[in-house]
Protein backbone atom coordinates (compact mmCIF):
# COMPACT_ATOMS: atom_id res chain seq x y z
CA MET A 1 260.88 289.95 257.24
CA LYS A 2 260.20 286.76 259.22
CA ARG A 3 260.42 283.28 257.76
CA THR A 4 257.95 280.53 258.56
CA THR A 5 256.91 277.12 257.33
CA LEU A 6 253.38 276.48 256.14
CA LEU A 7 251.90 273.03 255.62
CA LEU A 8 249.57 273.41 252.63
CA ASP A 9 247.18 271.04 250.96
CA PRO A 10 248.66 270.08 247.55
CA GLY A 11 245.64 271.49 245.72
CA LEU A 12 245.91 274.80 247.58
CA HIS A 13 249.64 274.99 246.85
CA THR A 14 248.99 274.37 243.16
CA GLU A 15 246.32 277.09 243.07
CA LEU A 16 248.62 279.58 244.81
CA LYS A 17 251.45 278.83 242.39
CA ARG A 18 249.07 279.17 239.42
CA ARG A 19 247.84 282.52 240.72
CA ALA A 20 251.41 283.76 241.32
CA THR A 21 252.42 282.83 237.78
CA ALA A 22 249.30 284.43 236.27
CA GLU A 23 249.91 287.67 238.20
CA GLY A 24 253.67 287.71 237.57
CA ARG A 25 254.42 287.73 241.31
CA THR A 26 256.23 285.42 243.68
CA LEU A 27 254.47 282.81 245.78
CA THR A 28 255.53 284.77 248.89
CA GLU A 29 253.89 287.95 247.58
CA VAL A 30 250.63 286.18 246.73
CA VAL A 31 250.41 284.37 250.09
CA GLY A 32 251.23 287.58 251.98
CA HIS A 33 248.58 289.54 250.05
CA LEU A 34 245.90 286.91 250.61
CA LEU A 35 246.75 286.63 254.32
CA ARG A 36 246.40 290.43 254.69
CA LEU A 37 243.01 290.33 252.95
CA GLY A 38 241.87 287.52 255.25
CA LEU A 39 243.03 289.36 258.37
CA GLN A 40 241.25 292.55 257.28
CA ALA A 41 238.01 290.64 256.69
CA ALA A 42 238.30 288.91 260.06
CA SER A 43 238.95 292.18 261.90
CA GLY A 44 235.40 293.34 261.28
CA VAL A 45 236.05 295.74 258.42
CA ARG A 46 232.62 296.02 256.87
CA ARG A 47 231.24 297.87 253.95
CA GLY A 48 228.83 300.72 254.54
CA ARG A 49 225.14 300.29 255.12
CA VAL A 50 222.87 300.03 252.13
CA ARG A 51 219.82 302.30 252.15
CA LEU A 52 216.74 300.46 250.98
CA PRO A 53 213.77 302.29 249.48
CA SER A 54 210.84 303.09 251.74
CA TYR A 55 207.25 303.59 250.61
CA ASP A 56 204.26 305.24 252.25
CA LEU A 57 201.33 302.92 251.65
CA GLY A 58 198.82 305.10 253.45
CA PRO A 59 196.76 304.26 256.52
CA PHE A 60 195.76 300.74 257.52
CA LEU A 61 192.48 299.61 255.96
CA ILE A 62 191.82 297.49 259.05
CA ARG A 63 193.37 297.63 262.50
CA PRO A 64 195.97 294.88 262.86
CA SER A 65 195.19 294.61 266.58
CA GLU A 66 191.54 293.70 265.90
CA ARG A 67 191.37 290.20 264.53
CA SER A 68 187.67 290.54 263.82
CA GLY A 69 188.55 292.94 260.99
CA PHE A 70 190.35 290.23 259.05
CA PRO A 71 188.31 288.23 256.54
CA ALA A 72 187.69 284.59 257.41
CA PRO A 73 189.96 282.16 255.55
CA GLU A 74 188.33 280.33 252.67
CA PRO A 75 188.10 276.56 253.07
CA GLU A 76 190.48 274.61 250.90
CA ALA A 77 188.91 272.85 247.94
CA PRO A 78 189.62 269.14 247.59
CA PRO A 79 192.15 268.33 244.85
CA VAL A 80 190.70 267.65 241.42
CA ARG A 81 191.45 264.16 240.18
CA GLY A 82 193.58 264.06 237.07
CA ALA A 83 194.48 267.75 237.26
CA ALA A 84 198.19 266.91 237.21
CA ARG A 85 198.01 265.30 233.76
CA ALA A 86 199.32 267.13 230.73
CA GLU A 87 196.80 268.47 228.24
CA GLY A 88 195.89 266.09 225.49
CA SER A 89 196.70 262.93 227.45
CA PRO A 90 193.86 260.46 228.15
């Protein structure tokens, strides 16, 4: 096993020591385990693909390539004054 020196942020060192104590392991074991997990994640190990449901909605009701088949947009109505007030307020 190789020895090395790590310069750790005090908060990170405290968290690692807390985790080691909680798990009943040494600081070396916890750091080694977390480094292995980080290296595995960085090496491109990915979880499998998720299959999403697919639905058949039938044929198109209008042809998407023909813009004339789309209904014309309705003009926006001007905002109603006082609509934002709560009910019962003057």
